[in-house]
């Protein structure tokens, strides 16, 4: 049953990787002409004088190197002085999933119940981070759509994947949690 839990966890992580890749692609594709590129400003010159008359109404954006593989949320986070809770969830969900798979693999190899309990705890943290990321993404997309009718807002698109893939990922996570709880409880 432990190997089945590991395989289910890995399948869920594969579907999650697909979701992450499609979100990155949608974020890079969603970058249209209405979203301006950052303007390079010399060190001694204020940003409003370099960008022209449009800069008086818009907030200055620090110059960054364009990274074609970074999703819009990461590009936006790089220009903000402090990241948001959404950015923390976006990073911690996949990171915790990889750490949890490592602990679960340790349990499968050694059959030490301590690894199973730690893996279960990390799995619970991963699920909480994933749910908060999902709900914050939907909330931000709704706020952006309400602020600007007809557009997806400032770099906060709805998830690009179909609802079937999201349901598959959530179902895989729920079944993995069920198996991990049964194994950690000693059933």
Protein backbone atom coordinates (compact mmCIF):
# COMPACT_ATOMS: atom_id res chain seq x y z
CA UNK A 1 0.00 0.00 0.00
CA UNK A 2 2.96 2.32 0.62
CA UNK A 3 4.20 1.85 -2.94
CA UNK A 4 0.70 2.56 -4.25
CA UNK A 5 0.66 5.77 -2.21
CA UNK A 6 4.06 6.75 -3.64
CA UNK A 7 2.92 6.08 -7.20
CA UNK A 8 -0.30 8.00 -6.66
CA UNK A 9 1.65 10.90 -5.16
CA UNK A 10 4.00 10.91 -8.17
CA UNK A 11 1.05 10.84 -10.60
CA UNK A 12 -0.54 13.76 -8.75
CA UNK A 13 2.77 15.64 -8.92
CA UNK A 14 2.92 14.97 -12.67
CA UNK A 15 -0.54 16.44 -13.18
CA UNK A 16 0.47 19.38 -10.97
CA UNK A 17 3.56 19.91 -13.11
CA UNK A 18 1.32 20.01 -16.16
CA UNK A 19 -0.83 22.64 -14.45
CA UNK A 20 2.25 24.69 -13.61
CA UNK A 21 3.59 24.53 -17.16
CA UNK A 22 0.26 25.56 -18.67
CA UNK A 23 0.04 28.47 -16.22
CA UNK A 24 3.53 29.62 -17.26
CA UNK A 25 2.62 29.37 -20.94
CA UNK A 26 -0.65 31.24 -20.42
CA UNK A 27 1.15 33.94 -18.46
CA UNK A 28 3.73 34.46 -21.20
CA UNK A 29 1.08 34.40 -23.94
CA UNK A 30 -1.18 36.78 -22.02
CA UNK A 31 1.45 39.50 -22.21
CA UNK A 32 -0.15 41.77 -24.78
CA UNK A 33 0.42 45.24 -26.18
CA UNK A 34 -1.59 46.84 -23.38
CA UNK A 35 1.02 45.73 -20.85
CA UNK A 36 4.07 47.90 -21.29
CA UNK A 37 7.62 46.66 -21.02
CA UNK A 38 9.75 48.09 -18.18
CA UNK A 39 11.67 51.21 -19.12
CA UNK A 40 15.37 51.50 -18.35
CA UNK A 41 16.07 54.64 -16.34
CA UNK A 42 19.53 56.05 -15.62
CA UNK A 43 20.48 56.01 -11.94
CA UNK A 44 20.31 59.78 -11.36
CA UNK A 45 17.14 60.39 -13.37
CA UNK A 46 13.65 60.00 -11.87
CA UNK A 47 11.42 57.42 -13.51
CA UNK A 48 8.64 59.91 -14.33
CA UNK A 49 10.91 62.13 -16.41
CA UNK A 50 12.34 59.25 -18.46
CA UNK A 51 9.09 57.59 -19.45
CA UNK A 52 7.21 60.64 -20.67
CA UNK A 53 3.72 61.86 -19.92
CA UNK A 54 2.23 58.38 -19.38
CA UNK A 55 4.46 57.80 -16.38
CA UNK A 56 2.74 60.51 -14.38
CA UNK A 57 -0.39 58.36 -14.12
CA UNK A 58 1.33 54.97 -13.80
CA UNK A 59 3.58 53.83 -11.01
CA UNK A 60 7.26 53.47 -11.91
CA UNK A 61 8.40 49.94 -12.66
CA UNK A 62 12.03 49.04 -12.05
CA UNK A 63 13.95 47.83 -15.08
CA UNK A 64 14.35 44.04 -15.20
CA UNK A 65 15.84 41.65 -17.68
CA UNK A 66 13.13 39.92 -19.66
CA UNK A 67 13.01 36.26 -18.73
CA UNK A 68 10.89 34.38 -21.25
CA UNK A 69 10.46 31.38 -18.96
CA UNK A 70 9.20 33.31 -15.95
CA UNK A 71 5.42 33.44 -15.52
CA UNK A 72 3.77 36.84 -15.21
CA UNK A 73 3.30 36.39 -11.50
CA UNK A 74 7.04 35.89 -11.04
CA UNK A 75 7.86 38.87 -13.28
CA UNK A 76 5.47 41.00 -11.23
CA UNK A 77 6.89 39.68 -7.96
CA UNK A 78 10.40 40.55 -9.07
CA UNK A 79 9.35 44.16 -9.53
CA UNK A 80 7.63 44.39 -6.12
CA UNK A 81 9.74 45.13 -3.04
CA UNK A 82 7.98 42.49 -0.92
CA UNK A 83 6.25 39.41 -2.28
CA UNK A 84 2.67 38.60 -1.46
CA UNK A 85 1.11 35.60 0.22
CA UNK A 86 0.06 34.36 -3.23
CA UNK A 87 3.69 34.25 -4.30
CA UNK A 88 4.58 32.30 -1.16
CA UNK A 89 1.87 29.73 -1.89
CA UNK A 90 2.97 29.54 -5.54
CA UNK A 91 6.48 28.61 -4.41
CA UNK A 92 5.71 26.50 -1.36
CA UNK A 93 3.12 24.17 -2.92
CA UNK A 94 5.50 22.48 -5.40
CA UNK A 95 8.44 22.72 -2.98
CA UNK A 96 6.55 21.00 -0.18
CA UNK A 97 5.28 18.37 -2.61
CA UNK A 98 8.85 17.44 -3.58
CA UNK A 99 9.95 17.35 0.06
CA UNK A 100 6.97 15.17 0.96
CA UNK A 101 7.72 12.72 -1.87
CA UNK A 102 11.25 12.43 -0.48
CA UNK A 103 10.00 11.58 3.00
CA UNK A 104 7.45 9.13 1.61
CA UNK A 105 10.17 7.47 -0.45
CA UNK A 106 12.18 7.20 2.77
CA UNK A 107 9.21 5.42 4.34
CA UNK A 108 8.82 3.05 1.39
CA UNK A 109 12.50 2.11 1.54
CA UNK A 110 12.96 1.87 5.33
CA UNK A 111 9.40 1.17 6.59
CA UNK A 112 10.13 3.50 9.51
CA UNK A 113 6.79 4.96 10.58
CA UNK A 114 8.46 8.26 11.49
CA UNK A 115 9.03 8.94 7.77
CA UNK A 116 5.35 8.22 7.09
CA UNK A 117 4.20 10.63 9.80
CA UNK A 118 6.56 13.37 8.59
CA UNK A 119 5.45 12.73 5.01
CA UNK A 120 1.81 13.02 6.10
CA UNK A 121 2.51 16.34 7.82
CA UNK A 122 4.29 17.69 4.75
CA UNK A 123 1.41 16.44 2.59
CA UNK A 124 -1.08 18.36 4.75
CA UNK A 125 1.03 21.52 4.39
CA UNK A 126 1.23 20.96 0.63
CA UNK A 127 -2.53 20.62 0.34
CA UNK A 128 -3.10 23.77 2.41
CA UNK A 129 -0.63 25.74 0.26
CA UNK A 130 -2.25 24.43 -2.93
CA UNK A 131 -5.77 25.30 -1.80
CA UNK A 132 -4.74 28.77 -0.69
CA UNK A 133 -2.92 29.31 -4.00
CA UNK A 134 -6.01 28.22 -5.94
CA UNK A 135 -8.42 30.39 -3.95
CA UNK A 136 -6.14 33.44 -3.98
CA UNK A 137 -5.67 33.10 -7.74
CA UNK A 138 -9.44 32.99 -8.29
CA UNK A 139 -10.01 35.91 -5.92
CA UNK A 140 -7.35 38.06 -7.62
CA UNK A 141 -8.71 37.22 -11.07
CA UNK A 142 -12.25 38.19 -9.99
CA UNK A 143 -11.01 41.47 -8.51
CA UNK A 144 -9.04 42.27 -11.66
CA UNK A 145 -12.01 41.46 -13.88
CA UNK A 146 -14.27 43.66 -11.76
CA UNK A 147 -11.78 46.53 -11.93
CA UNK A 148 -11.29 46.28 -15.69
CA UNK A 149 -14.26 44.70 -17.49
CA UNK A 150 -13.23 42.77 -20.58
CA UNK A 151 -9.66 42.05 -19.48
CA UNK A 152 -8.02 39.48 -17.23
CA UNK A 153 -6.34 42.17 -15.17
CA UNK A 154 -2.78 42.89 -14.27
CA UNK A 155 -1.04 39.56 -14.70
CA UNK A 156 -3.55 37.52 -12.71
CA UNK A 157 -5.18 35.26 -15.25
CA UNK A 158 -7.54 32.49 -14.30
CA UNK A 159 -5.95 29.09 -14.41
CA UNK A 160 -5.46 28.12 -18.04
CA UNK A 161 -5.99 24.39 -17.53
CA UNK A 162 -9.35 22.75 -17.93
CA UNK A 163 -11.43 22.01 -14.90
CA UNK A 164 -10.97 18.28 -15.54
CA UNK A 165 -7.23 18.56 -14.96
CA UNK A 166 -7.81 20.57 -11.77
CA UNK A 167 -10.30 17.96 -10.55
CA UNK A 168 -7.85 15.17 -11.42
CA UNK A 169 -5.09 16.90 -9.43
CA UNK A 170 -7.40 17.48 -6.45
CA UNK A 171 -8.72 13.92 -6.53
CA UNK A 172 -5.19 12.54 -6.67
CA UNK A 173 -4.23 14.69 -3.69
CA UNK A 174 -7.28 13.54 -1.71
CA UNK A 175 -6.57 9.86 -2.43
CA UNK A 176 -2.91 10.32 -1.55
CA UNK A 177 -3.98 11.92 1.72
CA UNK A 178 -6.32 9.02 2.45
CA UNK A 179 -3.59 6.44 1.85
CA UNK A 180 -1.07 8.42 3.91
CA UNK A 181 -3.50 8.74 6.83
CA UNK A 182 -4.29 5.01 6.74
CA UNK A 183 -0.60 4.08 6.69
CA UNK A 184 0.40 6.61 9.40
CA UNK A 185 -2.46 5.41 11.62
CA UNK A 186 -1.27 1.84 11.24
CA UNK A 187 -4.42 0.48 9.61
